[in-house]
Amino acid sequence: IANFLGLTGLERHESFLATMEDILNHL
């Protein structure tokens, strides 16, 4: 999702929940 939307400033996470939280915080 992050690459699709071109989001920046994200970290790579092993956890699904952490990934989704990071995506929402960088929308």
mmCIF file of all heavy atoms, coordinates in Angstrom:
data_MODEL
# 
_entry.id   MODEL 
# 
loop_
_atom_site.group_PDB 
_atom_site.id 
_atom_site.type_symbol 
_atom_site.label_atom_id 
_atom_site.label_alt_id 
_atom_site.label_comp_id 
_atom_site.label_asym_id 
_atom_site.label_entity_id 
_atom_site.label_seq_id 
_atom_site.pdbx_PDB_ins_code 
_atom_site.Cartn_x 
_atom_site.Cartn_y 
_atom_site.Cartn_z 
_atom_site.occupancy 
_atom_site.B_iso_or_equiv 
_atom_site.pdbx_formal_charge 
_atom_site.auth_seq_id 
_atom_site.auth_comp_id 
_atom_site.auth_asym_id 
_atom_site.auth_atom_id 
_atom_site.pdbx_PDB_model_num 
ATOM 1   N N   . ILE A 1 1  ? 0.830  -1.210  0.000  1.00 0.00 ? 1  ILE A N   1 
ATOM 2   C CA  . ILE A 1 1  ? 0.000  0.000   0.000  1.00 0.00 ? 1  ILE A CA  1 
ATOM 3   C C   . ILE A 1 1  ? 0.863  1.259   0.000  1.00 0.00 ? 1  ILE A C   1 
ATOM 4   O O   . ILE A 1 1  ? 0.573  2.237   -0.703 1.00 0.00 ? 1  ILE A O   1 
ATOM 5   C CB  . ILE A 1 1  ? -0.957 -0.003  1.215  1.00 0.00 ? 1  ILE A CB  1 
ATOM 6   C CG1 . ILE A 1 1  ? -1.970 -1.144  1.076  1.00 0.00 ? 1  ILE A CG1 1 
ATOM 7   C CG2 . ILE A 1 1  ? -1.675 1.336   1.346  1.00 0.00 ? 1  ILE A CG2 1 
ATOM 8   C CD1 . ILE A 1 1  ? -2.885 -1.304  2.265  1.00 0.00 ? 1  ILE A CD1 1 
ATOM 9   N N   . ALA A 1 2  ? 1.941  1.229   0.784  1.00 0.00 ? 2  ALA A N   1 
ATOM 10  C CA  . ALA A 1 2  ? 2.813  2.406   0.877  1.00 0.00 ? 2  ALA A CA  1 
ATOM 11  C C   . ALA A 1 2  ? 3.434  2.744   -0.478 1.00 0.00 ? 2  ALA A C   1 
ATOM 12  O O   . ALA A 1 2  ? 3.459  3.923   -0.890 1.00 0.00 ? 2  ALA A O   1 
ATOM 13  C CB  . ALA A 1 2  ? 3.902  2.159   1.911  1.00 0.00 ? 2  ALA A CB  1 
ATOM 14  N N   . ASN A 1 3  ? 3.939  1.738   -1.203 1.00 0.00 ? 3  ASN A N   1 
ATOM 15  C CA  . ASN A 1 3  ? 4.511  1.999   -2.530 1.00 0.00 ? 3  ASN A CA  1 
ATOM 16  C C   . ASN A 1 3  ? 3.440  2.430   -3.524 1.00 0.00 ? 3  ASN A C   1 
ATOM 17  O O   . ASN A 1 3  ? 3.696  3.259   -4.396 1.00 0.00 ? 3  ASN A O   1 
ATOM 18  C CB  . ASN A 1 3  ? 5.219  0.743   -3.042 1.00 0.00 ? 3  ASN A CB  1 
ATOM 19  C CG  . ASN A 1 3  ? 6.548  0.501   -2.341 1.00 0.00 ? 3  ASN A CG  1 
ATOM 20  O OD1 . ASN A 1 3  ? 7.160  1.427   -1.826 1.00 0.00 ? 3  ASN A OD1 1 
ATOM 21  N ND2 . ASN A 1 3  ? 6.973  -0.747  -2.298 1.00 0.00 ? 3  ASN A ND2 1 
ATOM 22  N N   . PHE A 1 4  ? 2.251  1.843   -3.422 1.00 0.00 ? 4  PHE A N   1 
ATOM 23  C CA  . PHE A 1 4  ? 1.160  2.200   -4.328 1.00 0.00 ? 4  PHE A CA  1 
ATOM 24  C C   . PHE A 1 4  ? 0.799  3.676   -4.185 1.00 0.00 ? 4  PHE A C   1 
ATOM 25  O O   . PHE A 1 4  ? 0.582  4.377   -5.188 1.00 0.00 ? 4  PHE A O   1 
ATOM 26  C CB  . PHE A 1 4  ? -0.073 1.333   -4.017 1.00 0.00 ? 4  PHE A CB  1 
ATOM 27  C CG  . PHE A 1 4  ? -1.142 1.400   -5.062 1.00 0.00 ? 4  PHE A CG  1 
ATOM 28  C CD1 . PHE A 1 4  ? -1.248 0.400   -6.025 1.00 0.00 ? 4  PHE A CD1 1 
ATOM 29  C CD2 . PHE A 1 4  ? -2.067 2.431   -5.087 1.00 0.00 ? 4  PHE A CD2 1 
ATOM 30  C CE1 . PHE A 1 4  ? -2.237 0.442   -6.998 1.00 0.00 ? 4  PHE A CE1 1 
ATOM 31  C CE2 . PHE A 1 4  ? -3.065 2.493   -6.052 1.00 0.00 ? 4  PHE A CE2 1 
ATOM 32  C CZ  . PHE A 1 4  ? -3.143 1.494   -7.015 1.00 0.00 ? 4  PHE A CZ  1 
ATOM 33  N N   . LEU A 1 5  ? 0.769  4.156   -2.961 1.00 0.00 ? 5  LEU A N   1 
ATOM 34  C CA  . LEU A 1 5  ? 0.396  5.553   -2.707 1.00 0.00 ? 5  LEU A CA  1 
ATOM 35  C C   . LEU A 1 5  ? 1.594  6.498   -2.690 1.00 0.00 ? 5  LEU A C   1 
ATOM 36  O O   . LEU A 1 5  ? 1.422  7.719   -2.615 1.00 0.00 ? 5  LEU A O   1 
ATOM 37  C CB  . LEU A 1 5  ? -0.338 5.656   -1.372 1.00 0.00 ? 5  LEU A CB  1 
ATOM 38  C CG  . LEU A 1 5  ? -1.640 4.845   -1.258 1.00 0.00 ? 5  LEU A CG  1 
ATOM 39  C CD1 . LEU A 1 5  ? -2.220 4.970   0.140  1.00 0.00 ? 5  LEU A CD1 1 
ATOM 40  C CD2 . LEU A 1 5  ? -2.651 5.306   -2.304 1.00 0.00 ? 5  LEU A CD2 1 
ATOM 41  N N   . GLY A 1 6  ? 2.798  5.916   -2.722 1.00 0.00 ? 6  GLY A N   1 
ATOM 42  C CA  . GLY A 1 6  ? 3.990  6.758   -2.708 1.00 0.00 ? 6  GLY A CA  1 
ATOM 43  C C   . GLY A 1 6  ? 4.258  7.402   -1.363 1.00 0.00 ? 6  GLY A C   1 
ATOM 44  O O   . GLY A 1 6  ? 4.830  8.493   -1.290 1.00 0.00 ? 6  GLY A O   1 
ATOM 45  N N   . LEU A 1 7  ? 3.865  6.742   -0.274 1.00 0.00 ? 7  LEU A N   1 
ATOM 46  C CA  . LEU A 1 7  ? 4.063  7.311   1.058  1.00 0.00 ? 7  LEU A CA  1 
ATOM 47  C C   . LEU A 1 7  ? 5.546  7.376   1.407  1.00 0.00 ? 7  LEU A C   1 
ATOM 48  O O   . LEU A 1 7  ? 6.335  6.533   0.980  1.00 0.00 ? 7  LEU A O   1 
ATOM 49  C CB  . LEU A 1 7  ? 3.322  6.464   2.109  1.00 0.00 ? 7  LEU A CB  1 
ATOM 50  C CG  . LEU A 1 7  ? 1.819  6.239   1.885  1.00 0.00 ? 7  LEU A CG  1 
ATOM 51  C CD1 . LEU A 1 7  ? 1.241  5.416   3.032  1.00 0.00 ? 7  LEU A CD1 1 
ATOM 52  C CD2 . LEU A 1 7  ? 1.083  7.561   1.740  1.00 0.00 ? 7  LEU A CD2 1 
ATOM 53  N N   . THR A 1 8  ? 5.911  8.356   2.185  1.00 0.00 ? 8  THR A N   1 
ATOM 54  C CA  . THR A 1 8  ? 7.317  8.523   2.576  1.00 0.00 ? 8  THR A CA  1 
ATOM 55  C C   . THR A 1 8  ? 7.429  8.549   4.098  1.00 0.00 ? 8  THR A C   1 
ATOM 56  O O   . THR A 1 8  ? 6.471  8.832   4.807  1.00 0.00 ? 8  THR A O   1 
ATOM 57  C CB  . THR A 1 8  ? 7.898  9.826   1.998  1.00 0.00 ? 8  THR A CB  1 
ATOM 58  O OG1 . THR A 1 8  ? 7.100  10.939  2.446  1.00 0.00 ? 8  THR A OG1 1 
ATOM 59  C CG2 . THR A 1 8  ? 7.896  9.784   0.481  1.00 0.00 ? 8  THR A CG2 1 
ATOM 60  N N   . GLY A 1 9  ? 8.645  8.253   4.577  1.00 0.00 ? 9  GLY A N   1 
ATOM 61  C CA  . GLY A 1 9  ? 8.909  8.316   6.007  1.00 0.00 ? 9  GLY A CA  1 
ATOM 62  C C   . GLY A 1 9  ? 8.499  7.081   6.779  1.00 0.00 ? 9  GLY A C   1 
ATOM 63  O O   . GLY A 1 9  ? 8.544  7.077   8.014  1.00 0.00 ? 9  GLY A O   1 
ATOM 64  N N   . LEU A 1 10 ? 8.096  5.996   6.092  1.00 0.00 ? 10 LEU A N   1 
ATOM 65  C CA  . LEU A 1 10 ? 7.671  4.777   6.775  1.00 0.00 ? 10 LEU A CA  1 
ATOM 66  C C   . LEU A 1 10 ? 8.867  3.884   7.087  1.00 0.00 ? 10 LEU A C   1 
ATOM 67  O O   . LEU A 1 10 ? 9.888  3.922   6.393  1.00 0.00 ? 10 LEU A O   1 
ATOM 68  C CB  . LEU A 1 10 ? 6.665  3.988   5.934  1.00 0.00 ? 10 LEU A CB  1 
ATOM 69  C CG  . LEU A 1 10 ? 5.223  4.494   5.877  1.00 0.00 ? 10 LEU A CG  1 
ATOM 70  C CD1 . LEU A 1 10 ? 5.102  5.670   4.929  1.00 0.00 ? 10 LEU A CD1 1 
ATOM 71  C CD2 . LEU A 1 10 ? 4.283  3.373   5.444  1.00 0.00 ? 10 LEU A CD2 1 
ATOM 72  N N   . GLU A 1 11 ? 8.717  3.086   8.124  1.00 0.00 ? 11 GLU A N   1 
ATOM 73  C CA  . GLU A 1 11 ? 9.683  2.043   8.433  1.00 0.00 ? 11 GLU A CA  1 
ATOM 74  C C   . GLU A 1 11 ? 9.089  0.692   8.044  1.00 0.00 ? 11 GLU A C   1 
ATOM 75  O O   . GLU A 1 11 ? 7.871  0.531   8.007  1.00 0.00 ? 11 GLU A O   1 
ATOM 76  C CB  . GLU A 1 11 ? 10.023 2.035   9.931  1.00 0.00 ? 11 GLU A CB  1 
ATOM 77  C CG  . GLU A 1 11 ? 10.706 3.300   10.407 1.00 0.00 ? 11 GLU A CG  1 
ATOM 78  C CD  . GLU A 1 11 ? 11.062 3.231   11.884 1.00 0.00 ? 11 GLU A CD  1 
ATOM 79  O OE1 . GLU A 1 11 ? 10.843 2.143   12.478 1.00 0.00 ? 11 GLU A OE1 1 
ATOM 80  O OE2 . GLU A 1 11 ? 11.549 4.224   12.426 1.00 0.00 ? 11 GLU A OE2 1 
ATOM 81  N N   . ARG A 1 12 ? 9.951  -0.254  7.760  1.00 0.00 ? 12 ARG A N   1 
ATOM 82  C CA  . ARG A 1 12 ? 9.463  -1.592  7.430  1.00 0.00 ? 12 ARG A CA  1 
ATOM 83  C C   . ARG A 1 12 ? 9.222  -2.362  8.713  1.00 0.00 ? 12 ARG A C   1 
ATOM 84  O O   . ARG A 1 12 ? 10.063 -2.393  9.607  1.00 0.00 ? 12 ARG A O   1 
ATOM 85  C CB  . ARG A 1 12 ? 10.451 -2.330  6.538  1.00 0.00 ? 12 ARG A CB  1 
ATOM 86  C CG  . ARG A 1 12 ? 10.808 -1.567  5.272  1.00 0.00 ? 12 ARG A CG  1 
ATOM 87  C CD  . ARG A 1 12 ? 11.418 -2.459  4.233  1.00 0.00 ? 12 ARG A CD  1 
ATOM 88  N NE  . ARG A 1 12 ? 10.388 -3.272  3.595  1.00 0.00 ? 12 ARG A NE  1 
ATOM 89  C CZ  . ARG A 1 12 ? 10.565 -3.917  2.443  1.00 0.00 ? 12 ARG A CZ  1 
ATOM 90  N NH1 . ARG A 1 12 ? 11.711 -3.842  1.813  1.00 0.00 ? 12 ARG A NH1 1 
ATOM 91  N NH2 . ARG A 1 12 ? 9.604  -4.627  1.910  1.00 0.00 ? 12 ARG A NH2 1 
ATOM 92  N N   . HIS A 1 13 ? 8.044  -2.988  8.809  1.00 0.00 ? 13 HIS A N   1 
ATOM 93  C CA  . HIS A 1 13 ? 7.670  -3.707  10.023 1.00 0.00 ? 13 HIS A CA  1 
ATOM 94  C C   . HIS A 1 13 ? 7.393  -5.164  9.700  1.00 0.00 ? 13 HIS A C   1 
ATOM 95  O O   . HIS A 1 13 ? 6.883  -5.500  8.634  1.00 0.00 ? 13 HIS A O   1 
ATOM 96  C CB  . HIS A 1 13 ? 6.420  -3.085  10.649 1.00 0.00 ? 13 HIS A CB  1 
ATOM 97  C CG  . HIS A 1 13 ? 6.582  -1.650  11.038 1.00 0.00 ? 13 HIS A CG  1 
ATOM 98  N ND1 . HIS A 1 13 ? 7.212  -1.243  12.192 1.00 0.00 ? 13 HIS A ND1 1 
ATOM 99  C CD2 . HIS A 1 13 ? 6.182  -0.502  10.402 1.00 0.00 ? 13 HIS A CD2 1 
ATOM 100 C CE1 . HIS A 1 13 ? 7.189  0.075   12.261 1.00 0.00 ? 13 HIS A CE1 1 
ATOM 101 N NE2 . HIS A 1 13 ? 6.575  0.547   11.193 1.00 0.00 ? 13 HIS A NE2 1 
ATOM 102 N N   . GLU A 1 14 ? 7.678  -6.013  10.672 1.00 0.00 ? 14 GLU A N   1 
ATOM 103 C CA  . GLU A 1 14 ? 7.319  -7.422  10.552 1.00 0.00 ? 14 GLU A CA  1 
ATOM 104 C C   . GLU A 1 14 ? 5.842  -7.627  10.860 1.00 0.00 ? 14 GLU A C   1 
ATOM 105 O O   . GLU A 1 14 ? 5.175  -8.470  10.272 1.00 0.00 ? 14 GLU A O   1 
ATOM 106 C CB  . GLU A 1 14 ? 8.163  -8.252  11.527 1.00 0.00 ? 14 GLU A CB  1 
ATOM 107 C CG  . GLU A 1 14 ? 7.843  -9.726  11.538 1.00 0.00 ? 14 GLU A CG  1 
ATOM 108 C CD  . GLU A 1 14 ? 8.652  -10.467 12.583 1.00 0.00 ? 14 GLU A CD  1 
ATOM 109 O OE1 . GLU A 1 14 ? 9.556  -9.867  13.188 1.00 0.00 ? 14 GLU A OE1 1 
ATOM 110 O OE2 . GLU A 1 14 ? 8.359  -11.666 12.801 1.00 0.00 ? 14 GLU A OE2 1 
ATOM 111 N N   . SER A 1 15 ? 5.307  -6.809  11.758 1.00 0.00 ? 15 SER A N   1 
ATOM 112 C CA  . SER A 1 15 ? 3.932  -6.952  12.222 1.00 0.00 ? 15 SER A CA  1 
ATOM 113 C C   . SER A 1 15 ? 2.939  -6.291  11.262 1.00 0.00 ? 15 SER A C   1 
ATOM 114 O O   . SER A 1 15 ? 3.153  -5.161  10.804 1.00 0.00 ? 15 SER A O   1 
ATOM 115 C CB  . SER A 1 15 ? 3.782  -6.332  13.613 1.00 0.00 ? 15 SER A CB  1 
ATOM 116 O OG  . SER A 1 15 ? 2.430  -6.184  13.972 1.00 0.00 ? 15 SER A OG  1 
ATOM 117 N N   . PHE A 1 16 ? 1.839  -6.993  10.983 1.00 0.00 ? 16 PHE A N   1 
ATOM 118 C CA  . PHE A 1 16 ? 0.755  -6.448  10.164 1.00 0.00 ? 16 PHE A CA  1 
ATOM 119 C C   . PHE A 1 16 ? 0.147  -5.216  10.819 1.00 0.00 ? 16 PHE A C   1 
ATOM 120 O O   . PHE A 1 16 ? -0.090 -4.189  10.159 1.00 0.00 ? 16 PHE A O   1 
ATOM 121 C CB  . PHE A 1 16 ? -0.312 -7.526  9.959  1.00 0.00 ? 16 PHE A CB  1 
ATOM 122 C CG  . PHE A 1 16 ? -1.625 -7.009  9.435  1.00 0.00 ? 16 PHE A CG  1 
ATOM 123 C CD1 . PHE A 1 16 ? -1.793 -6.760  8.081  1.00 0.00 ? 16 PHE A CD1 1 
ATOM 124 C CD2 . PHE A 1 16 ? -2.693 -6.775  10.299 1.00 0.00 ? 16 PHE A CD2 1 
ATOM 125 C CE1 . PHE A 1 16 ? -3.006 -6.286  7.596  1.00 0.00 ? 16 PHE A CE1 1 
ATOM 126 C CE2 . PHE A 1 16 ? -3.897 -6.306  9.824  1.00 0.00 ? 16 PHE A CE2 1 
ATOM 127 C CZ  . PHE A 1 16 ? -4.058 -6.059  8.469  1.00 0.00 ? 16 PHE A CZ  1 
ATOM 128 N N   . LEU A 1 17 ? -0.117 -5.282  12.120 1.00 0.00 ? 17 LEU A N   1 
ATOM 129 C CA  . LEU A 1 17 ? -0.737 -4.164  12.820 1.00 0.00 ? 17 LEU A CA  1 
ATOM 130 C C   . LEU A 1 17 ? 0.172  -2.933  12.825 1.00 0.00 ? 17 LEU A C   1 
ATOM 131 O O   . LEU A 1 17 ? -0.290 -1.803  12.637 1.00 0.00 ? 17 LEU A O   1 
ATOM 132 C CB  . LEU A 1 17 ? -1.091 -4.571  14.252 1.00 0.00 ? 17 LEU A CB  1 
ATOM 133 C CG  . LEU A 1 17 ? -2.154 -5.671  14.381 1.00 0.00 ? 17 LEU A CG  1 
ATOM 134 C CD1 . LEU A 1 17 ? -2.368 -6.044  15.853 1.00 0.00 ? 17 LEU A CD1 1 
ATOM 135 C CD2 . LEU A 1 17 ? -3.465 -5.237  13.747 1.00 0.00 ? 17 LEU A CD2 1 
ATOM 136 N N   . ALA A 1 18 ? 1.469  -3.154  13.024 1.00 0.00 ? 18 ALA A N   1 
ATOM 137 C CA  . ALA A 1 18 ? 2.418  -2.031  13.009 1.00 0.00 ? 18 ALA A CA  1 
ATOM 138 C C   . ALA A 1 18 ? 2.497  -1.412  11.626 1.00 0.00 ? 18 ALA A C   1 
ATOM 139 O O   . ALA A 1 18 ? 2.592  -0.171  11.482 1.00 0.00 ? 18 ALA A O   1 
ATOM 140 C CB  . ALA A 1 18 ? 3.795  -2.512  13.462 1.00 0.00 ? 18 ALA A CB  1 
ATOM 141 N N   . THR A 1 19 ? 2.459  -2.254  10.592 1.00 0.00 ? 19 THR A N   1 
ATOM 142 C CA  . THR A 1 19 ? 2.483  -1.742  9.213  1.00 0.00 ? 19 THR A CA  1 
ATOM 143 C C   . THR A 1 19 ? 1.264  -0.880  8.929  1.00 0.00 ? 19 THR A C   1 
ATOM 144 O O   . THR A 1 19 ? 1.373  0.217   8.367  1.00 0.00 ? 19 THR A O   1 
ATOM 145 C CB  . THR A 1 19 ? 2.537  -2.912  8.217  1.00 0.00 ? 19 THR A CB  1 
ATOM 146 O OG1 . THR A 1 19 ? 3.735  -3.662  8.429  1.00 0.00 ? 19 THR A OG1 1 
ATOM 147 C CG2 . THR A 1 19 ? 2.515  -2.409  6.782  1.00 0.00 ? 19 THR A CG2 1 
ATOM 148 N N   . MET A 1 20 ? 0.075  -1.376  9.309  1.00 0.00 ? 20 MET A N   1 
ATOM 149 C CA  . MET A 1 20 ? -1.149 -0.620  9.060  1.00 0.00 ? 20 MET A CA  1 
ATOM 150 C C   . MET A 1 20 ? -1.171 0.686   9.851  1.00 0.00 ? 20 MET A C   1 
ATOM 151 O O   . MET A 1 20 ? -1.621 1.733   9.349  1.00 0.00 ? 20 MET A O   1 
ATOM 152 C CB  . MET A 1 20 ? -2.373 -1.474  9.418  1.00 0.00 ? 20 MET A CB  1 
ATOM 153 C CG  . MET A 1 20 ? -2.563 -2.698  8.522  1.00 0.00 ? 20 MET A CG  1 
ATOM 154 S SD  . MET A 1 20 ? -2.616 -2.284  6.765  1.00 0.00 ? 20 MET A SD  1 
ATOM 155 C CE  . MET A 1 20 ? -4.050 -1.199  6.704  1.00 0.00 ? 20 MET A CE  1 
ATOM 156 N N   . GLU A 1 21 ? -0.677 0.656   11.083 1.00 0.00 ? 21 GLU A N   1 
ATOM 157 C CA  . GLU A 1 21 ? -0.622 1.881   11.890 1.00 0.00 ? 21 GLU A CA  1 
ATOM 158 C C   . GLU A 1 21 ? 0.300  2.908   11.256 1.00 0.00 ? 21 GLU A C   1 
ATOM 159 O O   . GLU A 1 21 ? -0.025 4.110   11.192 1.00 0.00 ? 21 GLU A O   1 
ATOM 160 C CB  . GLU A 1 21 ? -0.146 1.541   13.303 1.00 0.00 ? 21 GLU A CB  1 
ATOM 161 C CG  . GLU A 1 21 ? -0.100 2.741   14.229 1.00 0.00 ? 21 GLU A CG  1 
ATOM 162 C CD  . GLU A 1 21 ? 0.410  2.400   15.619 1.00 0.00 ? 21 GLU A CD  1 
ATOM 163 O OE1 . GLU A 1 21 ? 0.789  1.223   15.828 1.00 0.00 ? 21 GLU A OE1 1 
ATOM 164 O OE2 . GLU A 1 21 ? 0.428  3.291   16.486 1.00 0.00 ? 21 GLU A OE2 1 
ATOM 165 N N   . ASP A 1 22 ? 1.447  2.441   10.766 1.00 0.00 ? 22 ASP A N   1 
ATOM 166 C CA  . ASP A 1 22 ? 2.404  3.344   10.128 1.00 0.00 ? 22 ASP A CA  1 
ATOM 167 C C   . ASP A 1 22 ? 1.815  3.950   8.851  1.00 0.00 ? 22 ASP A C   1 
ATOM 168 O O   . ASP A 1 22 ? 2.018  5.132   8.558  1.00 0.00 ? 22 ASP A O   1 
ATOM 169 C CB  . ASP A 1 22 ? 3.696  2.589   9.809  1.00 0.00 ? 22 ASP A CB  1 
ATOM 170 C CG  . ASP A 1 22 ? 4.920  3.485   9.892  1.00 0.00 ? 22 ASP A CG  1 
ATOM 171 O OD1 . ASP A 1 22 ? 4.787  4.631   10.345 1.00 0.00 ? 22 ASP A OD1 1 
ATOM 172 O OD2 . ASP A 1 22 ? 6.012  3.035   9.495  1.00 0.00 ? 22 ASP A OD2 1 
ATOM 173 N N   . ILE A 1 23 ? 1.084  3.146   8.085  1.00 0.00 ? 23 ILE A N   1 
ATOM 174 C CA  . ILE A 1 23 ? 0.451  3.648   6.855  1.00 0.00 ? 23 ILE A CA  1 
ATOM 175 C C   . ILE A 1 23 ? -0.568 4.730   7.191  1.00 0.00 ? 23 ILE A C   1 
ATOM 176 O O   . ILE A 1 23 ? -0.608 5.796   6.548  1.00 0.00 ? 23 ILE A O   1 
ATOM 177 C CB  . ILE A 1 23 ? -0.220 2.495   6.089  1.00 0.00 ? 23 ILE A CB  1 
ATOM 178 C CG1 . ILE A 1 23 ? 0.840  1.576   5.474  1.00 0.00 ? 23 ILE A CG1 1 
ATOM 179 C CG2 . ILE A 1 23 ? -1.143 3.035   4.987  1.00 0.00 ? 23 ILE A CG2 1 
ATOM 180 C CD1 . ILE A 1 23 ? 0.281  0.317   4.842  1.00 0.00 ? 23 ILE A CD1 1 
ATOM 181 N N   . LEU A 1 24 ? -1.400 4.497   8.196  1.00 0.00 ? 24 LEU A N   1 
ATOM 182 C CA  . LEU A 1 24 ? -2.423 5.480   8.583  1.00 0.00 ? 24 LEU A CA  1 
ATOM 183 C C   . LEU A 1 24 ? -1.779 6.776   9.075  1.00 0.00 ? 24 LEU A C   1 
ATOM 184 O O   . LEU A 1 24 ? -2.295 7.876   8.807  1.00 0.00 ? 24 LEU A O   1 
ATOM 185 C CB  . LEU A 1 24 ? -3.324 4.883   9.662  1.00 0.00 ? 24 LEU A CB  1 
ATOM 186 C CG  . LEU A 1 24 ? -4.218 3.719   9.223  1.00 0.00 ? 24 LEU A CG  1 
ATOM 187 C CD1 . LEU A 1 24 ? -4.968 3.138   10.417 1.00 0.00 ? 24 LEU A CD1 1 
ATOM 188 C CD2 . LEU A 1 24 ? -5.202 4.181   8.155  1.00 0.00 ? 24 LEU A CD2 1 
ATOM 189 N N   . ASN A 1 25 ? -0.660 6.644   9.786  1.00 0.00 ? 25 ASN A N   1 
ATOM 190 C CA  . ASN A 1 25 ? 0.013  7.836   10.310 1.00 0.00 ? 25 ASN A CA  1 
ATOM 191 C C   . ASN A 1 25 ? 0.701  8.653   9.233  1.00 0.00 ? 25 ASN A C   1 
ATOM 192 O O   . ASN A 1 25 ? 1.045  9.826   9.461  1.00 0.00 ? 25 ASN A O   1 
ATOM 193 C CB  . ASN A 1 25 ? 1.036  7.433   11.373 1.00 0.00 ? 25 ASN A CB  1 
ATOM 194 C CG  . ASN A 1 25 ? 0.380  6.906   12.638 1.00 0.00 ? 25 ASN A CG  1 
ATOM 195 O OD1 . ASN A 1 25 ? -0.765 7.232   12.932 1.00 0.00 ? 25 ASN A OD1 1 
ATOM 196 N ND2 . ASN A 1 25 ? 1.107  6.080   13.387 1.00 0.00 ? 25 ASN A ND2 1 
ATOM 197 N N   . HIS A 1 26 ? 0.926  8.068   8.042  1.00 0.00 ? 26 HIS A N   1 
ATOM 198 C CA  . HIS A 1 26 ? 1.647  8.766   6.972  1.00 0.00 ? 26 HIS A CA  1 
ATOM 199 C C   . HIS A 1 26 ? 0.791  8.982   5.726  1.00 0.00 ? 26 HIS A C   1 
ATOM 200 O O   . HIS A 1 26 ? 1.328  9.236   4.639  1.00 0.00 ? 26 HIS A O   1 
ATOM 201 C CB  . HIS A 1 26 ? 2.918  7.995   6.593  1.00 0.00 ? 26 HIS A CB  1 
ATOM 202 C CG  . HIS A 1 26 ? 3.983  8.013   7.644  1.00 0.00 ? 26 HIS A CG  1 
ATOM 203 N ND1 . HIS A 1 26 ? 3.969  7.147   8.717  1.00 0.00 ? 26 HIS A ND1 1 
ATOM 204 C CD2 . HIS A 1 26 ? 5.088  8.806   7.798  1.00 0.00 ? 26 HIS A CD2 1 
ATOM 205 C CE1 . HIS A 1 26 ? 5.021  7.379   9.481  1.00 0.00 ? 26 HIS A CE1 1 
ATOM 206 N NE2 . HIS A 1 26 ? 5.715  8.381   8.948  1.00 0.00 ? 26 HIS A NE2 1 
ATOM 207 N N   . LEU A 1 27 ? -0.519 8.909   5.897  1.00 0.00 ? 27 LEU A N   1 
ATOM 208 C CA  . LEU A 1 27 ? -1.389 9.137   4.738  1.00 0.00 ? 27 LEU A CA  1 
ATOM 209 C C   . LEU A 1 27 ? -1.273 10.560  4.189  1.00 0.00 ? 27 LEU A C   1 
ATOM 210 O O   . LEU A 1 27 ? -1.585 10.810  3.022  1.00 0.00 ? 27 LEU A O   1 
ATOM 211 C CB  . LEU A 1 27 ? -2.852 8.853   5.115  1.00 0.00 ? 27 LEU A CB  1 
ATOM 212 C CG  . LEU A 1 27 ? -3.256 7.372   5.188  1.00 0.00 ? 27 LEU A CG  1 
ATOM 213 C CD1 . LEU A 1 27 ? -4.701 7.235   5.644  1.00 0.00 ? 27 LEU A CD1 1 
ATOM 214 C CD2 . LEU A 1 27 ? -3.056 6.693   3.832  1.00 0.00 ? 27 LEU A CD2 1 
# 
